[in-house]
Amino acid sequence: MSSLAERIYRITKRHPTLNSKGKLAEHLGYSRSMVYNYEAGNPFPPREFLDKIAKLEISLGIDDSTNDEGASLREDEAPYHVQRRAQRMIRVTSWAHAGEATNYEELPNSWQDQIPTECRDPKAFAVRLEGPSMEPKFSEGDLLILQPSEEAYSGCLAVCRFKSDGVVFRRVEFLPDAIRLIALNPAYPTDTYPREEFAWIYPVWGRWTQIWK
C-alpha cells in the first residue's frame, strides 16, 4: 500500500486541473494545511477524506501499486517529500547567520554542526532558535529544521527573513497583499507586513530540543 503522500502526488501529476496540492485540497473541501497534516498522520485522515482520494484514483485509472507508466514507483522517481523516510545529516547554522542570508544559496558553507533528520528536502538545514517569542512550545536553543524547497502556507510555522534586516520565527497567515506574523508567546504582538518586505519564508519541518540544560 502506497503512502497517502505518494497517492496525492500521483493524483496531482495525472489530473488535468487538480495539478497542485492547493487545488486538490479545495476540490476535496479541505484546507491545504489540513491536507499536509493528513499526509503526516497528525491527525489520522478521516474515512470521508480517504474515500474521496480513492474515488479520484478510480476516475483517473490509478493503480495503487503502479505509477503513470505502469511500473512500481521507484524511490528515486518520487519527489523528495514522498520518498521513503531515512535519516541523513543536515547542517546547523546560527540565528545570526540565517539573518544575514537573503536566500538559501547565501547561507554559510563552513557550518560545523550537523544533526540527523528524516526531512527529505534536499536543501534542508537547521537553525538554532534565539529569543522567547514562541515560548512555551519552543525554547531558545531549539534547532528548527527548515525546508527551503517547500512553499509556506497559512497556518504553518516558518522562519522569516526580512529584506531590511533580521529573522523571526512565527506562525504565518497569508493575506491578499500582506503576511501576518503570529507569536505563540502572548507577551509578543501580532504584526502584519507587506509581502515585498520579506527576503524568504521557509516552513519548519520539525525541531530538535535540548533536554539537558
N, C-alpha and C. Protein backbone atom coordinates (compact mmCIF):
# COMPACT_ATOMS: atom_id res chain seq x y z
N MET A 1 0.84 -1.19 0.00
CA MET A 1 0.00 0.00 0.00
C MET A 1 0.88 1.24 0.00
N SER A 2 0.62 2.16 -0.93
CA SER A 2 1.40 3.38 -1.01
C SER A 2 1.02 4.33 0.12
N SER A 3 1.94 5.23 0.48
CA SER A 3 1.65 6.23 1.49
C SER A 3 0.65 7.22 0.94
N LEU A 4 -0.04 7.92 1.84
CA LEU A 4 -1.01 8.91 1.40
C LEU A 4 -0.34 10.02 0.61
N ALA A 5 0.86 10.43 1.01
CA ALA A 5 1.58 11.48 0.29
C ALA A 5 1.86 11.05 -1.15
N GLU A 6 2.23 9.79 -1.32
CA GLU A 6 2.52 9.27 -2.67
C GLU A 6 1.24 9.22 -3.50
N ARG A 7 0.12 8.83 -2.90
CA ARG A 7 -1.15 8.77 -3.63
C ARG A 7 -1.59 10.17 -4.07
N ILE A 8 -1.42 11.14 -3.18
CA ILE A 8 -1.79 12.52 -3.53
C ILE A 8 -0.90 13.04 -4.64
N TYR A 9 0.38 12.71 -4.58
CA TYR A 9 1.31 13.13 -5.63
C TYR A 9 0.90 12.58 -6.98
N ARG A 10 0.50 11.31 -7.04
CA ARG A 10 0.09 10.71 -8.31
C ARG A 10 -1.16 11.38 -8.87
N ILE A 11 -2.10 11.74 -7.98
CA ILE A 11 -3.31 12.41 -8.45
C ILE A 11 -2.98 13.76 -9.06
N THR A 12 -2.17 14.56 -8.37
CA THR A 12 -1.83 15.89 -8.89
C THR A 12 -0.98 15.80 -10.15
N LYS A 13 -0.26 14.70 -10.31
CA LYS A 13 0.57 14.51 -11.51
C LYS A 13 -0.27 14.18 -12.73
N ARG A 14 -1.39 13.46 -12.51
CA ARG A 14 -2.18 12.97 -13.64
C ARG A 14 -3.45 13.77 -13.92
N HIS A 15 -4.00 14.45 -12.91
CA HIS A 15 -5.26 15.15 -13.12
C HIS A 15 -5.03 16.43 -13.92
N PRO A 16 -5.87 16.72 -14.92
CA PRO A 16 -5.65 17.89 -15.78
C PRO A 16 -5.83 19.23 -15.07
N THR A 17 -6.66 19.29 -14.03
CA THR A 17 -6.91 20.56 -13.35
C THR A 17 -6.47 20.56 -11.89
N LEU A 18 -6.45 19.40 -11.26
CA LEU A 18 -6.03 19.33 -9.85
C LEU A 18 -4.53 19.05 -9.80
N ASN A 19 -3.75 19.94 -10.44
CA ASN A 19 -2.32 19.70 -10.60
C ASN A 19 -1.47 20.38 -9.54
N SER A 20 -2.06 20.71 -8.41
CA SER A 20 -1.30 21.22 -7.27
C SER A 20 -2.03 20.79 -6.01
N LYS A 21 -1.31 20.76 -4.91
CA LYS A 21 -1.92 20.33 -3.65
C LYS A 21 -3.00 21.31 -3.20
N GLY A 22 -2.79 22.61 -3.49
CA GLY A 22 -3.80 23.60 -3.12
C GLY A 22 -5.11 23.39 -3.87
N LYS A 23 -5.02 23.11 -5.18
CA LYS A 23 -6.22 22.87 -5.99
C LYS A 23 -6.92 21.59 -5.56
N LEU A 24 -6.13 20.57 -5.25
CA LEU A 24 -6.71 19.31 -4.80
C LEU A 24 -7.45 19.51 -3.48
N ALA A 25 -6.81 20.22 -2.54
CA ALA A 25 -7.43 20.46 -1.23
C ALA A 25 -8.76 21.20 -1.39
N GLU A 26 -8.78 22.22 -2.26
CA GLU A 26 -10.02 22.98 -2.49
C GLU A 26 -11.10 22.08 -3.10
N HIS A 27 -10.71 21.23 -4.03
CA HIS A 27 -11.66 20.31 -4.66
C HIS A 27 -12.26 19.34 -3.65
N LEU A 28 -11.45 18.89 -2.71
CA LEU A 28 -11.91 17.93 -1.71
C LEU A 28 -12.69 18.59 -0.58
N GLY A 29 -12.62 19.92 -0.49
CA GLY A 29 -13.32 20.63 0.56
C GLY A 29 -12.53 20.77 1.85
N TYR A 30 -11.18 20.72 1.74
CA TYR A 30 -10.30 20.85 2.89
C TYR A 30 -9.29 21.97 2.65
N SER A 31 -8.72 22.50 3.72
CA SER A 31 -7.66 23.49 3.57
C SER A 31 -6.37 22.77 3.21
N ARG A 32 -5.45 23.50 2.57
CA ARG A 32 -4.17 22.90 2.20
C ARG A 32 -3.40 22.47 3.45
N SER A 33 -3.48 23.27 4.52
CA SER A 33 -2.76 22.90 5.74
C SER A 33 -3.31 21.60 6.33
N MET A 34 -4.63 21.37 6.21
CA MET A 34 -5.20 20.13 6.73
C MET A 34 -4.74 18.93 5.91
N VAL A 35 -4.62 19.11 4.59
CA VAL A 35 -4.12 18.03 3.74
C VAL A 35 -2.69 17.68 4.13
N TYR A 36 -1.87 18.71 4.38
CA TYR A 36 -0.50 18.47 4.84
C TYR A 36 -0.51 17.66 6.15
N ASN A 37 -1.40 18.03 7.07
CA ASN A 37 -1.48 17.33 8.35
C ASN A 37 -1.91 15.87 8.15
N TYR A 38 -2.88 15.64 7.26
CA TYR A 38 -3.32 14.27 7.00
C TYR A 38 -2.18 13.44 6.41
N GLU A 39 -1.39 14.05 5.52
CA GLU A 39 -0.24 13.34 4.94
C GLU A 39 0.72 12.87 6.04
N ALA A 40 0.89 13.72 7.05
CA ALA A 40 1.82 13.41 8.14
C ALA A 40 1.19 12.50 9.19
N GLY A 41 -0.12 12.23 9.06
CA GLY A 41 -0.79 11.38 10.03
C GLY A 41 -1.11 12.07 11.34
N ASN A 42 -1.19 13.41 11.32
CA ASN A 42 -1.45 14.17 12.54
C ASN A 42 -2.47 15.28 12.25
N PRO A 43 -3.79 15.00 12.38
CA PRO A 43 -4.38 13.74 12.83
C PRO A 43 -4.48 12.73 11.69
N PHE A 44 -4.85 11.50 12.05
CA PHE A 44 -5.04 10.49 11.01
C PHE A 44 -6.25 10.90 10.17
N PRO A 45 -6.15 10.82 8.83
CA PRO A 45 -7.24 11.29 7.97
C PRO A 45 -8.53 10.52 8.19
N PRO A 46 -9.67 11.21 8.18
CA PRO A 46 -10.95 10.52 8.38
C PRO A 46 -11.31 9.67 7.16
N ARG A 47 -12.25 8.76 7.35
CA ARG A 47 -12.67 7.86 6.28
C ARG A 47 -13.23 8.64 5.09
N GLU A 48 -13.94 9.73 5.35
CA GLU A 48 -14.51 10.53 4.27
C GLU A 48 -13.41 11.06 3.33
N PHE A 49 -12.30 11.53 3.92
CA PHE A 49 -11.19 12.05 3.12
C PHE A 49 -10.56 10.93 2.29
N LEU A 50 -10.32 9.78 2.90
CA LEU A 50 -9.71 8.66 2.19
C LEU A 50 -10.61 8.15 1.08
N ASP A 51 -11.93 8.19 1.30
CA ASP A 51 -12.87 7.76 0.27
C ASP A 51 -12.80 8.69 -0.94
N LYS A 52 -12.66 9.99 -0.70
CA LYS A 52 -12.57 10.95 -1.80
C LYS A 52 -11.29 10.74 -2.59
N ILE A 53 -10.20 10.45 -1.90
CA ILE A 53 -8.93 10.16 -2.58
C ILE A 53 -9.08 8.91 -3.44
N ALA A 54 -9.72 7.87 -2.89
CA ALA A 54 -9.89 6.62 -3.62
C ALA A 54 -10.75 6.82 -4.87
N LYS A 55 -11.81 7.64 -4.76
CA LYS A 55 -12.67 7.90 -5.92
C LYS A 55 -11.91 8.63 -7.03
N LEU A 56 -11.04 9.57 -6.65
CA LEU A 56 -10.23 10.26 -7.64
C LEU A 56 -9.28 9.28 -8.33
N GLU A 57 -8.69 8.38 -7.55
CA GLU A 57 -7.79 7.38 -8.12
C GLU A 57 -8.52 6.50 -9.13
N ILE A 58 -9.74 6.11 -8.79
CA ILE A 58 -10.53 5.26 -9.69
C ILE A 58 -10.86 6.01 -10.98
N SER A 59 -11.26 7.30 -10.82
CA SER A 59 -11.63 8.09 -12.01
C SER A 59 -10.44 8.32 -12.93
N LEU A 60 -9.24 8.32 -12.37
CA LEU A 60 -8.03 8.55 -13.17
C LEU A 60 -7.37 7.24 -13.60
N GLY A 61 -7.92 6.12 -13.17
CA GLY A 61 -7.35 4.84 -13.54
C GLY A 61 -6.02 4.57 -12.87
N ILE A 62 -5.85 5.08 -11.65
CA ILE A 62 -4.59 4.91 -10.93
C ILE A 62 -4.63 3.62 -10.13
N ASP A 63 -3.67 2.76 -10.41
CA ASP A 63 -3.48 1.54 -9.62
C ASP A 63 -2.57 1.89 -8.47
N ASP A 64 -2.97 1.60 -7.24
CA ASP A 64 -2.19 1.98 -6.06
C ASP A 64 -0.78 1.41 -6.07
N SER A 65 -0.54 0.35 -6.82
CA SER A 65 0.78 -0.26 -6.82
C SER A 65 1.66 0.19 -7.97
N THR A 66 1.14 1.08 -8.84
CA THR A 66 1.91 1.48 -10.01
C THR A 66 1.94 2.98 -10.16
N ASN A 67 2.90 3.45 -11.00
CA ASN A 67 2.96 4.86 -11.34
C ASN A 67 2.33 5.07 -12.69
N ASP A 68 2.52 6.23 -13.29
CA ASP A 68 1.88 6.57 -14.55
C ASP A 68 2.28 5.64 -15.68
N GLU A 69 3.47 5.08 -15.64
CA GLU A 69 3.94 4.24 -16.71
C GLU A 69 3.62 2.76 -16.46
N GLY A 70 2.95 2.46 -15.32
CA GLY A 70 2.55 1.09 -15.04
C GLY A 70 3.59 0.30 -14.27
N ALA A 71 4.69 0.91 -13.92
CA ALA A 71 5.73 0.23 -13.15
C ALA A 71 5.71 0.73 -11.73
N SER A 72 6.29 -0.02 -10.84
CA SER A 72 6.36 0.42 -9.44
C SER A 72 7.12 1.74 -9.35
N LEU A 73 6.62 2.63 -8.52
CA LEU A 73 7.26 3.93 -8.35
C LEU A 73 8.54 3.74 -7.55
N ARG A 74 9.69 3.95 -8.19
CA ARG A 74 10.96 3.76 -7.53
C ARG A 74 11.24 4.91 -6.56
N GLU A 75 12.08 4.63 -5.60
CA GLU A 75 12.46 5.65 -4.61
C GLU A 75 13.00 6.90 -5.28
N ASP A 76 13.84 6.74 -6.31
CA ASP A 76 14.46 7.91 -6.93
C ASP A 76 13.55 8.61 -7.92
N GLU A 77 12.36 8.03 -8.23
CA GLU A 77 11.42 8.67 -9.14
C GLU A 77 10.46 9.59 -8.39
N ALA A 78 10.23 9.30 -7.13
CA ALA A 78 9.27 10.07 -6.36
C ALA A 78 9.88 11.40 -5.94
N PRO A 79 9.03 12.45 -5.75
CA PRO A 79 9.56 13.71 -5.22
C PRO A 79 10.06 13.49 -3.80
N TYR A 80 10.95 14.38 -3.34
CA TYR A 80 11.59 14.12 -2.05
C TYR A 80 10.60 14.01 -0.91
N HIS A 81 9.44 14.71 -1.00
CA HIS A 81 8.53 14.70 0.14
C HIS A 81 7.70 13.43 0.23
N VAL A 82 7.78 12.50 -0.76
CA VAL A 82 7.08 11.23 -0.64
C VAL A 82 8.05 10.06 -0.64
N GLN A 83 9.33 10.31 -0.65
CA GLN A 83 10.29 9.23 -0.64
C GLN A 83 10.32 8.56 0.73
N ARG A 84 10.82 7.32 0.75
CA ARG A 84 10.91 6.58 2.00
C ARG A 84 11.78 7.36 2.98
N ARG A 85 11.29 7.46 4.21
CA ARG A 85 11.99 8.27 5.19
C ARG A 85 13.20 7.53 5.74
N ALA A 86 14.37 8.06 5.50
CA ALA A 86 15.61 7.52 6.04
C ALA A 86 16.41 8.70 6.57
N GLN A 87 17.09 8.50 7.66
CA GLN A 87 17.82 9.61 8.27
C GLN A 87 19.05 9.98 7.45
N ARG A 88 19.34 11.26 7.42
CA ARG A 88 20.53 11.78 6.79
C ARG A 88 20.99 12.97 7.62
N MET A 89 22.17 13.44 7.37
CA MET A 89 22.73 14.54 8.14
C MET A 89 22.49 15.86 7.42
N ILE A 90 22.08 16.88 8.17
CA ILE A 90 21.96 18.23 7.63
C ILE A 90 22.76 19.18 8.50
N ARG A 91 23.11 20.31 7.95
CA ARG A 91 23.95 21.26 8.66
C ARG A 91 23.12 22.20 9.53
N VAL A 92 23.80 22.74 10.55
CA VAL A 92 23.17 23.67 11.50
C VAL A 92 23.87 25.02 11.41
N THR A 93 23.09 26.06 11.32
CA THR A 93 23.65 27.41 11.31
C THR A 93 23.08 28.22 12.47
N SER A 94 23.70 29.34 12.75
CA SER A 94 23.25 30.18 13.86
C SER A 94 22.11 31.07 13.41
N TRP A 95 21.40 31.62 14.38
CA TRP A 95 20.31 32.56 14.11
C TRP A 95 20.85 33.80 13.38
N ALA A 96 22.03 34.25 13.78
CA ALA A 96 22.64 35.43 13.15
C ALA A 96 22.99 35.16 11.69
N HIS A 97 23.56 34.00 11.40
CA HIS A 97 23.92 33.68 10.03
C HIS A 97 22.68 33.54 9.14
N ALA A 98 21.60 32.97 9.71
CA ALA A 98 20.36 32.88 8.94
C ALA A 98 19.84 34.27 8.60
N GLY A 99 20.01 35.21 9.53
CA GLY A 99 19.54 36.57 9.30
C GLY A 99 20.38 37.36 8.32
N GLU A 100 21.57 36.86 8.01
CA GLU A 100 22.45 37.56 7.08
C GLU A 100 22.21 37.14 5.63
N ALA A 101 21.60 35.98 5.42
CA ALA A 101 21.45 35.43 4.07
C ALA A 101 20.13 35.88 3.44
N THR A 102 20.19 36.40 2.23
CA THR A 102 18.97 36.82 1.53
C THR A 102 18.32 35.66 0.78
N ASN A 103 18.99 34.51 0.70
CA ASN A 103 18.40 33.31 0.12
C ASN A 103 19.20 32.10 0.60
N TYR A 104 18.75 30.93 0.21
CA TYR A 104 19.40 29.69 0.68
C TYR A 104 20.85 29.62 0.23
N GLU A 105 21.14 30.06 -1.00
CA GLU A 105 22.49 29.96 -1.54
C GLU A 105 23.50 30.81 -0.77
N GLU A 106 23.03 31.83 -0.06
CA GLU A 106 23.93 32.71 0.67
C GLU A 106 24.25 32.22 2.08
N LEU A 107 23.65 31.14 2.49
CA LEU A 107 23.95 30.61 3.82
C LEU A 107 25.39 30.10 3.84
N PRO A 108 26.07 30.21 4.97
CA PRO A 108 27.49 29.83 5.03
C PRO A 108 27.70 28.35 4.74
N ASN A 109 28.75 28.02 4.00
CA ASN A 109 29.04 26.63 3.69
C ASN A 109 30.14 26.07 4.58
N SER A 110 30.48 26.80 5.63
CA SER A 110 31.52 26.36 6.56
C SER A 110 30.91 25.95 7.90
N TRP A 111 29.67 25.47 7.86
CA TRP A 111 29.00 25.07 9.09
C TRP A 111 29.73 23.90 9.74
N GLN A 112 29.73 23.90 11.07
CA GLN A 112 30.43 22.86 11.81
C GLN A 112 29.49 21.77 12.31
N ASP A 113 28.35 22.17 12.89
CA ASP A 113 27.44 21.21 13.50
C ASP A 113 26.55 20.55 12.45
N GLN A 114 26.20 19.29 12.71
CA GLN A 114 25.27 18.56 11.88
C GLN A 114 24.35 17.75 12.77
N ILE A 115 23.11 17.53 12.30
CA ILE A 115 22.16 16.69 13.02
C ILE A 115 21.49 15.75 12.03
N PRO A 116 21.05 14.57 12.50
CA PRO A 116 20.31 13.66 11.61
C PRO A 116 18.84 14.06 11.55
N THR A 117 18.21 13.81 10.40
CA THR A 117 16.79 14.12 10.25
C THR A 117 16.19 13.22 9.18
N GLU A 118 14.87 13.05 9.23
CA GLU A 118 14.15 12.32 8.19
C GLU A 118 13.59 13.26 7.12
N CYS A 119 13.76 14.56 7.30
CA CYS A 119 13.27 15.52 6.32
C CYS A 119 13.98 15.29 4.99
N ARG A 120 13.23 15.17 3.90
CA ARG A 120 13.80 14.82 2.61
C ARG A 120 14.03 16.03 1.70
N ASP A 121 13.76 17.21 2.16
CA ASP A 121 14.06 18.39 1.35
C ASP A 121 15.57 18.41 1.11
N PRO A 122 16.02 18.39 -0.15
CA PRO A 122 17.46 18.37 -0.41
C PRO A 122 18.19 19.62 0.07
N LYS A 123 17.45 20.71 0.31
CA LYS A 123 18.06 21.94 0.78
C LYS A 123 17.87 22.14 2.28
N ALA A 124 17.32 21.17 2.97
CA ALA A 124 17.00 21.32 4.39
C ALA A 124 18.25 21.67 5.20
N PHE A 125 18.06 22.55 6.17
CA PHE A 125 19.11 22.87 7.13
C PHE A 125 18.44 23.23 8.44
N ALA A 126 19.22 23.29 9.49
CA ALA A 126 18.68 23.62 10.82
C ALA A 126 19.26 24.95 11.29
N VAL A 127 18.46 25.69 12.03
CA VAL A 127 18.91 26.96 12.59
C VAL A 127 18.63 26.94 14.09
N ARG A 128 19.55 27.48 14.87
CA ARG A 128 19.42 27.47 16.32
C ARG A 128 18.57 28.66 16.76
N LEU A 129 17.45 28.39 17.38
CA LEU A 129 16.49 29.43 17.76
C LEU A 129 17.02 30.35 18.84
N GLU A 130 16.76 31.64 18.67
CA GLU A 130 17.07 32.64 19.69
C GLU A 130 15.81 33.44 20.00
N GLY A 131 15.67 33.80 21.28
CA GLY A 131 14.53 34.63 21.68
C GLY A 131 13.37 33.83 22.23
N PRO A 132 12.52 34.46 23.08
CA PRO A 132 11.44 33.76 23.75
C PRO A 132 10.06 33.94 23.11
N SER A 133 9.99 34.46 21.88
CA SER A 133 8.69 34.82 21.30
C SER A 133 7.78 33.64 21.03
N MET A 134 8.33 32.41 20.97
CA MET A 134 7.50 31.24 20.69
C MET A 134 7.38 30.31 21.89
N GLU A 135 7.80 30.79 23.06
CA GLU A 135 7.62 30.00 24.28
C GLU A 135 6.13 29.96 24.63
N PRO A 136 5.64 28.92 25.30
CA PRO A 136 6.40 27.84 25.93
C PRO A 136 6.62 26.61 25.03
N LYS A 137 6.04 26.61 23.81
CA LYS A 137 6.17 25.42 22.96
C LYS A 137 7.57 25.27 22.38
N PHE A 138 8.23 26.38 22.12
CA PHE A 138 9.59 26.36 21.59
C PHE A 138 10.47 27.19 22.50
N SER A 139 11.68 26.70 22.74
CA SER A 139 12.58 27.36 23.67
C SER A 139 13.86 27.80 22.97
N GLU A 140 14.49 28.83 23.52
CA GLU A 140 15.76 29.28 22.99
C GLU A 140 16.77 28.14 23.01
N GLY A 141 17.45 27.92 21.90
CA GLY A 141 18.39 26.83 21.77
C GLY A 141 17.85 25.65 20.98
N ASP A 142 16.51 25.59 20.78
CA ASP A 142 15.94 24.55 19.94
C ASP A 142 16.50 24.66 18.53
N LEU A 143 16.66 23.53 17.86
CA LEU A 143 17.11 23.52 16.48
C LEU A 143 15.89 23.34 15.57
N LEU A 144 15.60 24.34 14.75
CA LEU A 144 14.47 24.29 13.83
C LEU A 144 14.95 23.78 12.48
N ILE A 145 14.31 22.74 11.97
CA ILE A 145 14.66 22.17 10.67
C ILE A 145 13.80 22.82 9.61
N LEU A 146 14.44 23.54 8.68
CA LEU A 146 13.73 24.34 7.68
C LEU A 146 13.73 23.67 6.31
N GLN A 147 12.68 23.98 5.52
CA GLN A 147 12.52 23.40 4.19
C GLN A 147 12.49 24.51 3.13
N PRO A 148 13.63 24.92 2.60
CA PRO A 148 13.66 25.98 1.58
C PRO A 148 12.94 25.61 0.30
N SER A 149 12.81 24.32 -0.01
CA SER A 149 12.17 23.91 -1.26
C SER A 149 10.65 23.91 -1.18
N GLU A 150 10.10 23.98 0.03
CA GLU A 150 8.66 23.95 0.21
C GLU A 150 8.08 25.36 0.31
N GLU A 151 6.86 25.53 -0.17
CA GLU A 151 6.18 26.81 -0.08
C GLU A 151 5.43 26.90 1.24
N ALA A 152 5.63 27.98 1.96
CA ALA A 152 4.91 28.18 3.22
C ALA A 152 3.43 28.40 2.92
N TYR A 153 2.56 28.03 3.85
CA TYR A 153 1.13 28.18 3.67
C TYR A 153 0.53 28.76 4.95
N SER A 154 -0.68 29.31 4.86
CA SER A 154 -1.33 29.92 6.01
C SER A 154 -1.51 28.89 7.12
N GLY A 155 -1.08 29.28 8.30
CA GLY A 155 -1.21 28.42 9.47
C GLY A 155 0.04 27.66 9.82
N CYS A 156 1.04 27.63 8.92
CA CYS A 156 2.24 26.87 9.22
C CYS A 156 3.21 27.70 10.05
N LEU A 157 4.14 27.01 10.70
CA LEU A 157 5.23 27.67 11.41
C LEU A 157 6.37 27.87 10.43
N ALA A 158 6.98 29.05 10.47
CA ALA A 158 8.03 29.36 9.50
C ALA A 158 9.04 30.32 10.09
N VAL A 159 10.25 30.26 9.56
CA VAL A 159 11.28 31.26 9.85
C VAL A 159 11.29 32.24 8.70
N CYS A 160 11.15 33.53 9.02
CA CYS A 160 11.00 34.58 8.01
C CYS A 160 12.18 35.54 8.09
N ARG A 161 12.76 35.82 6.94
CA ARG A 161 13.89 36.73 6.87
C ARG A 161 13.45 38.01 6.15
N PHE A 162 13.57 39.16 6.83
CA PHE A 162 13.22 40.44 6.23
C PHE A 162 14.32 40.92 5.29
N LYS A 163 13.94 41.65 4.26
CA LYS A 163 14.94 42.20 3.34
C LYS A 163 15.79 43.25 4.02
N SER A 164 15.17 44.04 4.89
CA SER A 164 15.91 45.11 5.57
C SER A 164 16.93 44.53 6.54
N ASP A 165 16.47 43.66 7.43
CA ASP A 165 17.38 43.04 8.40
C ASP A 165 16.57 42.21 9.37
N GLY A 166 17.16 41.16 9.88
CA GLY A 166 16.53 40.40 10.94
C GLY A 166 15.77 39.18 10.46
N VAL A 167 15.61 38.23 11.38
CA VAL A 167 14.90 37.00 11.10
C VAL A 167 14.02 36.68 12.30
N VAL A 168 12.82 36.15 12.04
CA VAL A 168 11.88 35.83 13.12
C VAL A 168 11.27 34.46 12.87
N PHE A 169 10.84 33.84 13.95
CA PHE A 169 10.13 32.56 13.91
C PHE A 169 8.70 32.81 14.35
N ARG A 170 7.74 32.54 13.47
CA ARG A 170 6.34 32.84 13.75
C ARG A 170 5.41 31.86 13.05
N ARG A 171 4.17 31.87 13.46
CA ARG A 171 3.10 31.25 12.66
C ARG A 171 2.67 32.28 11.63
N VAL A 172 2.56 31.87 10.37
CA VAL A 172 2.29 32.84 9.31
C VAL A 172 0.88 32.68 8.76
N GLU A 173 0.27 33.79 8.42
CA GLU A 173 -1.02 33.81 7.73
C GLU A 173 -0.88 34.70 6.51
N PHE A 174 -1.27 34.18 5.36
CA PHE A 174 -1.13 34.92 4.11
C PHE A 174 -2.42 35.66 3.79
N LEU A 175 -2.33 36.98 3.72
CA LEU A 175 -3.44 37.85 3.34
C LEU A 175 -3.25 38.23 1.88
N PRO A 176 -4.25 38.85 1.25
CA PRO A 176 -4.12 39.19 -0.18
C PRO A 176 -2.86 39.98 -0.53
N ASP A 177 -2.51 40.98 0.29
CA ASP A 177 -1.35 41.81 -0.03
C ASP A 177 -0.34 41.89 1.11
N ALA A 178 -0.51 41.04 2.11
CA ALA A 178 0.37 41.14 3.28
C ALA A 178 0.52 39.78 3.93
N ILE A 179 1.40 39.72 4.91
CA ILE A 179 1.63 38.49 5.67
C ILE A 179 1.56 38.82 7.15
N ARG A 180 0.75 38.08 7.87
CA ARG A 180 0.60 38.29 9.31
C ARG A 180 1.49 37.31 10.05
N LEU A 181 2.25 37.83 11.02
CA LEU A 181 3.15 37.01 11.83
C LEU A 181 2.61 36.92 13.25
N ILE A 182 2.38 35.69 13.70
CA ILE A 182 1.73 35.46 14.99
C ILE A 182 2.70 34.75 15.92
N ALA A 183 3.00 35.37 17.05
CA ALA A 183 3.85 34.75 18.06
C ALA A 183 3.02 33.83 18.94
N LEU A 184 3.60 32.73 19.38
CA LEU A 184 2.89 31.83 20.30
C LEU A 184 2.93 32.35 21.73
N ASN A 185 3.90 33.18 22.03
CA ASN A 185 4.01 33.80 23.35
C ASN A 185 3.09 35.02 23.40
N PRO A 186 2.06 35.03 24.26
CA PRO A 186 1.09 36.14 24.29
C PRO A 186 1.71 37.49 24.65
N ALA A 187 2.94 37.48 25.17
CA ALA A 187 3.59 38.74 25.51
C ALA A 187 4.05 39.50 24.26
N TYR A 188 4.06 38.82 23.12
CA TYR A 188 4.51 39.43 21.87
C TYR A 188 3.32 39.74 20.97
N PRO A 189 3.34 40.87 20.27
CA PRO A 189 2.19 41.27 19.44
C PRO A 189 2.14 40.50 18.12
N THR A 190 0.98 40.52 17.50
CA THR A 190 0.81 40.02 16.15
C THR A 190 1.05 41.17 15.19
N ASP A 191 1.93 40.99 14.22
CA ASP A 191 2.31 42.05 13.29
C ASP A 191 1.97 41.66 11.86
N THR A 192 1.70 42.66 11.04
CA THR A 192 1.38 42.44 9.63
C THR A 192 2.32 43.27 8.77
N TYR A 193 2.90 42.63 7.74
CA TYR A 193 3.87 43.30 6.88
C TYR A 193 3.51 43.08 5.41
N PRO A 194 3.84 44.04 4.54
CA PRO A 194 3.68 43.81 3.10
C PRO A 194 4.54 42.63 2.65
N ARG A 195 4.08 41.91 1.65
CA ARG A 195 4.80 40.74 1.17
C ARG A 195 6.20 41.10 0.68
N GLU A 196 6.33 42.27 0.09
CA GLU A 196 7.62 42.64 -0.51
C GLU A 196 8.71 42.91 0.52
N GLU A 197 8.36 42.94 1.81
CA GLU A 197 9.38 43.18 2.84
C GLU A 197 10.17 41.92 3.21
N PHE A 198 9.77 40.76 2.67
CA PHE A 198 10.41 39.50 3.05
C PHE A 198 11.40 39.04 1.98
N ALA A 199 12.58 38.64 2.43
CA ALA A 199 13.56 38.04 1.51
C ALA A 199 13.23 36.57 1.28
N TRP A 200 12.86 35.85 2.35
CA TRP A 200 12.41 34.47 2.23
C TRP A 200 11.60 34.06 3.45
N ILE A 201 10.77 33.04 3.23
CA ILE A 201 9.97 32.44 4.30
C ILE A 201 10.08 30.93 4.12
N TYR A 202 10.76 30.26 5.07
CA TYR A 202 10.98 28.83 4.97
C TYR A 202 10.14 28.11 6.04
N PRO A 203 9.24 27.19 5.63
CA PRO A 203 8.44 26.46 6.62
C PRO A 203 9.29 25.55 7.48
N VAL A 204 8.85 25.34 8.71
CA VAL A 204 9.57 24.50 9.66
C VAL A 204 9.05 23.07 9.55
N TRP A 205 9.95 22.13 9.30
CA TRP A 205 9.58 20.71 9.21
C TRP A 205 9.48 20.09 10.60
N GLY A 206 10.39 20.46 11.47
CA GLY A 206 10.41 19.89 12.81
C GLY A 206 11.49 20.56 13.64
N ARG A 207 11.81 19.98 14.76
CA ARG A 207 12.81 20.59 15.64
C ARG A 207 13.56 19.53 16.44
N TRP A 208 14.71 19.95 16.90
CA TRP A 208 15.48 19.22 17.92
C TRP A 208 15.44 20.07 19.17
N THR A 209 15.15 19.44 20.31
CA THR A 209 15.10 20.16 21.57
C THR A 209 16.15 19.61 22.52
N GLN A 210 16.89 20.50 23.12
CA GLN A 210 17.89 20.09 24.12
C GLN A 210 17.17 19.80 25.43
N ILE A 211 17.26 18.56 25.90
CA ILE A 211 16.58 18.16 27.13
C ILE A 211 17.40 18.55 28.36
N TRP A 212 18.70 18.28 28.31
CA TRP A 212 19.57 18.59 29.44
C TRP A 212 20.16 19.96 29.26
N LYS A 213 19.87 20.88 30.21
CA LYS A 213 20.38 22.26 30.14
C LYS A 213 21.08 22.62 31.42
